[in-house]
Amino acid sequence: MQSKRVLVIGLGRFGTSIVETLWKNRAEVIAVDNNPEAVNAVKDKTSAAFVGDATVHQVLEGIGAQDMETAVVTFGEHFEPSVLCVASLVRMKVREIIARAATDRQADILRAVGATRVIQLESEMGHRVGADITMPLAQDLLDLASNYRVVPWNAHGPLVGQTLAGSKIRQRYRINVLGVRPHRNRQPGEKPRLEAPTPDYVIRDGDTLLLVGDSDDVSRFVAEVGG
């Protein structure tokens, strides 16, 4: 199955770390920044890396932004360029647009422009540091889980028709199934529900399995079975 295609706009520390993580997880990564040195530093961890002004609509078109599934706008400290990028990506009908904001007001504006998700690093890190100070046990748990991922996986391929026990997901990949959202016709207004599966649950095409495991094990599973 084709790997996910992600465009990363801005190659500061935050953007570079996103590129490195996506590349490690075998995503198809396109990166763009107006700093040649930053572009050169990540070119070996991308499918393509471009030097250019991503606030210009024609530049985004030229690098194929309209063909990407996800775009991440990482500027954060430069708000106007973030708004321009998000607006262009919306016009290109990019399905998932993730943008970084420095304040609540910026976050509200980016959502209004069309960002599907807004990240506020300072706020999120503040919550984590607060937890570390007031609840050290909670922080220990966060650190313990830092290398683990919880991901939804849409069932397809060779595992379809097998029971959970028969699929040997846990034995082969060291991954556990937290829950299953069965694929079935629902009544109007009925919300999909996550169910706790039994070992004899038969995996059906289109089911969504919620998987948890070490990042490397999850990446290996996706690479072999398909994401």
Protein backbone atom coordinates (compact mmCIF):
# COMPACT_ATOMS: atom_id res chain seq x y z
CA MET A 1 0.00 0.00 0.00
CA GLN A 2 1.21 3.50 -0.83
CA SER A 3 2.89 5.38 2.01
CA LYS A 4 1.34 8.57 3.34
CA ARG A 5 2.39 11.75 1.54
CA VAL A 6 3.21 14.67 3.82
CA LEU A 7 4.38 18.20 3.03
CA VAL A 8 6.40 19.96 5.74
CA ILE A 9 6.58 23.75 5.37
CA GLY A 10 9.34 25.35 7.45
CA LEU A 11 12.50 23.63 8.61
CA GLY A 12 13.30 25.06 11.99
CA ARG A 13 13.90 22.69 14.88
CA PHE A 14 10.23 21.73 15.04
CA GLY A 15 9.85 21.17 11.31
CA THR A 16 13.11 19.25 11.08
CA SER A 17 12.08 16.90 13.90
CA ILE A 18 8.79 16.24 12.10
CA VAL A 19 10.65 15.41 8.88
CA GLU A 20 12.99 13.02 10.70
CA THR A 21 10.12 11.22 12.44
CA LEU A 22 8.03 10.94 9.27
CA TRP A 23 11.01 9.59 7.32
CA LYS A 24 11.74 7.05 10.03
CA ASN A 25 8.11 5.92 9.80
CA ARG A 26 8.43 5.50 6.04
CA ALA A 27 6.19 8.37 4.97
CA GLU A 28 6.76 10.11 1.65
CA VAL A 29 8.04 13.50 2.81
CA ILE A 30 8.29 16.70 0.79
CA ALA A 31 9.92 19.67 2.56
CA VAL A 32 10.23 23.34 1.69
CA ASP A 33 11.98 26.29 3.32
CA ASN A 34 13.54 29.53 2.09
CA ASN A 35 16.82 28.70 3.88
CA PRO A 36 19.13 26.62 1.62
CA GLU A 37 21.15 25.34 4.59
CA ALA A 38 18.03 24.03 6.34
CA VAL A 39 16.88 22.33 3.13
CA ASN A 40 20.30 20.77 2.57
CA ALA A 41 20.29 19.39 6.14
CA VAL A 42 17.15 17.29 5.56
CA LYS A 43 17.43 16.40 1.86
CA ASP A 44 18.59 12.85 2.64
CA LYS A 45 15.51 12.27 4.81
CA THR A 46 12.93 13.39 2.27
CA SER A 47 11.60 12.32 -1.10
CA ALA A 48 12.25 15.88 -2.25
CA ALA A 49 13.35 19.11 -0.55
CA PHE A 50 12.93 22.55 -2.09
CA VAL A 51 14.23 26.04 -1.45
CA GLY A 52 11.37 28.49 -1.87
CA ASP A 53 8.90 30.91 -0.34
CA ALA A 54 5.95 28.75 0.68
CA THR A 55 3.75 31.79 1.26
CA VAL A 56 3.54 32.16 -2.52
CA HIS A 57 0.69 30.09 -3.94
CA GLN A 58 2.54 29.35 -7.18
CA VAL A 59 5.52 27.96 -5.26
CA LEU A 60 3.29 25.48 -3.44
CA GLU A 61 1.70 24.48 -6.73
CA GLY A 62 5.12 24.04 -8.29
CA ILE A 63 6.26 21.56 -5.64
CA GLY A 64 3.01 19.58 -5.87
CA ALA A 65 1.32 20.59 -2.62
CA GLN A 66 -2.06 19.89 -4.20
CA ASP A 67 -1.15 16.19 -4.44
CA MET A 68 -0.28 15.77 -0.76
CA GLU A 69 -2.57 14.15 1.80
CA THR A 70 -1.25 16.16 4.74
CA ALA A 71 0.57 19.46 5.10
CA VAL A 72 2.27 20.74 8.26
CA VAL A 73 2.88 24.48 8.59
CA THR A 74 5.54 24.88 11.27
CA PHE A 75 6.34 28.62 11.29
CA GLY A 76 4.62 29.40 14.60
CA GLU A 77 6.55 32.52 15.52
CA HIS A 78 5.74 34.09 12.12
CA PHE A 79 1.98 34.29 12.05
CA GLU A 80 1.19 36.02 8.76
CA PRO A 81 3.13 33.47 6.67
CA SER A 82 1.26 30.68 8.48
CA VAL A 83 -2.09 32.20 7.54
CA LEU A 84 -1.03 32.64 3.90
CA CYS A 85 0.18 29.03 3.70
CA VAL A 86 -2.97 27.60 5.26
CA ALA A 87 -5.17 29.67 2.94
CA SER A 88 -3.27 28.41 -0.12
CA LEU A 89 -3.45 24.80 1.05
CA VAL A 90 -7.20 25.11 1.57
CA ARG A 91 -7.57 26.42 -1.99
CA MET A 92 -5.62 23.36 -3.17
CA LYS A 93 -8.02 21.11 -1.27
CA VAL A 94 -5.33 19.47 0.88
CA ARG A 95 -7.34 17.21 3.17
CA GLU A 96 -5.37 17.55 6.40
CA ILE A 97 -3.69 20.85 7.30
CA ILE A 98 -1.77 21.04 10.58
CA ALA A 99 -0.53 24.45 11.68
CA ARG A 100 1.50 25.75 14.60
CA ALA A 101 0.24 28.70 16.65
CA ALA A 102 1.80 30.73 19.44
CA THR A 103 -1.42 31.97 21.09
CA ASP A 104 -5.06 31.01 21.48
CA ARG A 105 -6.07 33.89 19.21
CA GLN A 106 -3.72 32.71 16.49
CA ALA A 107 -5.10 29.19 16.86
CA ASP A 108 -8.66 30.47 16.42
CA ILE A 109 -7.70 32.41 13.29
CA LEU A 110 -5.88 29.46 11.74
CA ARG A 111 -8.91 27.24 12.32
CA ALA A 112 -11.15 29.89 10.79
CA VAL A 113 -8.90 30.05 7.72
CA GLY A 114 -9.13 26.27 7.33
CA ALA A 115 -6.51 24.45 9.44
CA THR A 116 -7.88 21.06 10.48
CA ARG A 117 -5.56 20.88 13.51
CA VAL A 118 -3.61 23.51 15.42
CA ILE A 119 -0.62 22.78 17.66
CA GLN A 120 0.44 25.13 20.46
CA LEU A 121 3.84 23.84 21.53
CA GLU A 122 4.39 26.25 24.40
CA SER A 123 1.00 25.48 25.94
CA GLU A 124 1.38 21.72 25.52
CA MET A 125 4.89 21.73 26.98
CA GLY A 126 3.66 23.93 29.84
CA HIS A 127 1.08 21.32 30.76
CA ARG A 128 3.73 18.62 30.67
CA VAL A 129 6.15 20.57 32.88
CA GLY A 130 3.30 21.32 35.28
CA ALA A 131 2.54 17.61 35.49
CA ASP A 132 6.22 16.92 36.15
CA ILE A 133 6.26 19.38 39.06
CA THR A 134 2.97 18.47 40.71
CA MET A 135 2.57 14.82 39.71
CA PRO A 136 5.97 13.16 39.23
CA LEU A 137 4.34 9.75 38.91
CA ALA A 138 2.32 10.99 35.93
CA GLN A 139 5.50 12.27 34.34
CA ASP A 140 7.18 8.90 34.92
CA LEU A 141 4.32 7.27 33.04
CA LEU A 142 4.64 9.78 30.19
CA ASP A 143 8.37 9.07 29.91
CA LEU A 144 7.72 5.34 30.03
CA ALA A 145 5.29 5.63 27.14
CA SER A 146 7.29 8.09 25.05
CA ASN A 147 8.45 5.42 22.60
CA TYR A 148 4.99 3.92 22.16
CA ARG A 149 2.36 4.75 19.58
CA VAL A 150 -1.39 4.25 19.53
CA VAL A 151 -2.62 4.17 15.94
CA PRO A 152 -5.84 3.26 14.13
CA TRP A 153 -5.33 0.72 11.35
CA ASN A 154 -7.91 0.05 8.64
CA ALA A 155 -8.00 -3.70 8.14
CA HIS A 156 -7.16 -5.01 4.67
CA GLY A 157 -4.92 -7.53 2.98
CA PRO A 158 -3.86 -10.92 4.34
CA LEU A 159 -5.18 -10.39 7.90
CA VAL A 160 -8.78 -10.08 6.70
CA GLY A 161 -10.72 -13.26 7.49
CA GLN A 162 -8.40 -14.28 10.31
CA THR A 163 -9.24 -14.19 14.00
CA LEU A 164 -7.21 -11.91 16.23
CA ALA A 165 -5.61 -14.96 17.79
CA GLY A 166 -4.92 -16.51 14.39
CA SER A 167 -3.41 -13.32 12.98
CA LYS A 168 -0.65 -13.51 15.63
CA ILE A 169 -0.24 -9.72 15.56
CA ARG A 170 1.11 -9.77 19.08
CA GLN A 171 3.55 -12.61 18.51
CA ARG A 172 4.83 -11.42 15.12
CA TYR A 173 4.98 -7.69 15.73
CA ARG A 174 4.76 -7.25 19.53
CA ILE A 175 1.65 -5.10 19.01
CA ASN A 176 -1.54 -5.26 21.06
CA VAL A 177 -5.08 -4.55 19.83
CA LEU A 178 -6.79 -2.17 22.25
CA GLY A 179 -10.12 -2.17 20.47
CA VAL A 180 -12.00 -2.70 17.22
CA ARG A 181 -14.44 -0.45 15.41
CA PRO A 182 -16.34 -2.91 13.19
CA HIS A 183 -17.12 -1.87 9.65
CA ARG A 184 -20.86 -2.10 9.20
CA ASN A 185 -23.80 -0.06 8.04
CA ARG A 186 -24.99 2.28 10.79
CA GLN A 187 -28.27 3.99 11.37
CA PRO A 188 -28.41 7.74 10.56
CA GLY A 189 -26.89 9.68 13.45
CA GLU A 190 -25.36 6.57 15.02
CA LYS A 191 -21.75 7.15 16.05
CA PRO A 192 -19.11 4.48 15.45
CA ARG A 193 -18.19 2.67 18.66
CA LEU A 194 -14.95 1.09 19.75
CA GLU A 195 -15.48 -2.43 21.03
CA ALA A 196 -13.26 -4.67 23.15
CA PRO A 197 -12.53 -7.68 20.93
CA THR A 198 -12.15 -11.29 21.99
CA PRO A 199 -9.39 -13.54 20.60
CA ASP A 200 -11.92 -15.24 18.28
CA TYR A 201 -13.02 -11.95 16.69
CA VAL A 202 -12.79 -12.28 12.90
CA ILE A 203 -11.09 -9.32 11.22
CA ARG A 204 -13.24 -7.95 8.39
CA ASP A 205 -12.27 -5.74 5.51
CA GLY A 206 -12.77 -2.12 6.57
CA ASP A 207 -12.67 -2.74 10.32
CA THR A 208 -10.59 -0.22 12.28
CA LEU A 209 -8.21 -1.78 14.79
CA LEU A 210 -6.70 0.43 17.48
CA LEU A 211 -3.10 -0.76 17.85
CA VAL A 212 -0.51 0.02 20.51
CA GLY A 213 3.15 -0.82 20.44
CA ASP A 214 6.72 0.41 20.29
CA SER A 215 7.21 2.95 17.48
CA ASP A 216 9.64 0.69 15.62
CA ASP A 217 7.29 -2.30 15.87
CA VAL A 218 4.32 -0.28 14.62
CA SER A 219 6.41 1.03 11.72
CA ARG A 220 7.48 -2.51 10.84
CA PHE A 221 3.87 -3.69 10.93
CA VAL A 222 2.74 -0.85 8.63
CA ALA A 223 5.63 -1.49 6.25
CA GLU A 224 4.87 -5.21 5.96
CA VAL A 225 1.07 -5.22 6.11
CA GLY A 226 0.31 -1.75 4.77
CA GLY A 227 -0.86 1.44 6.49
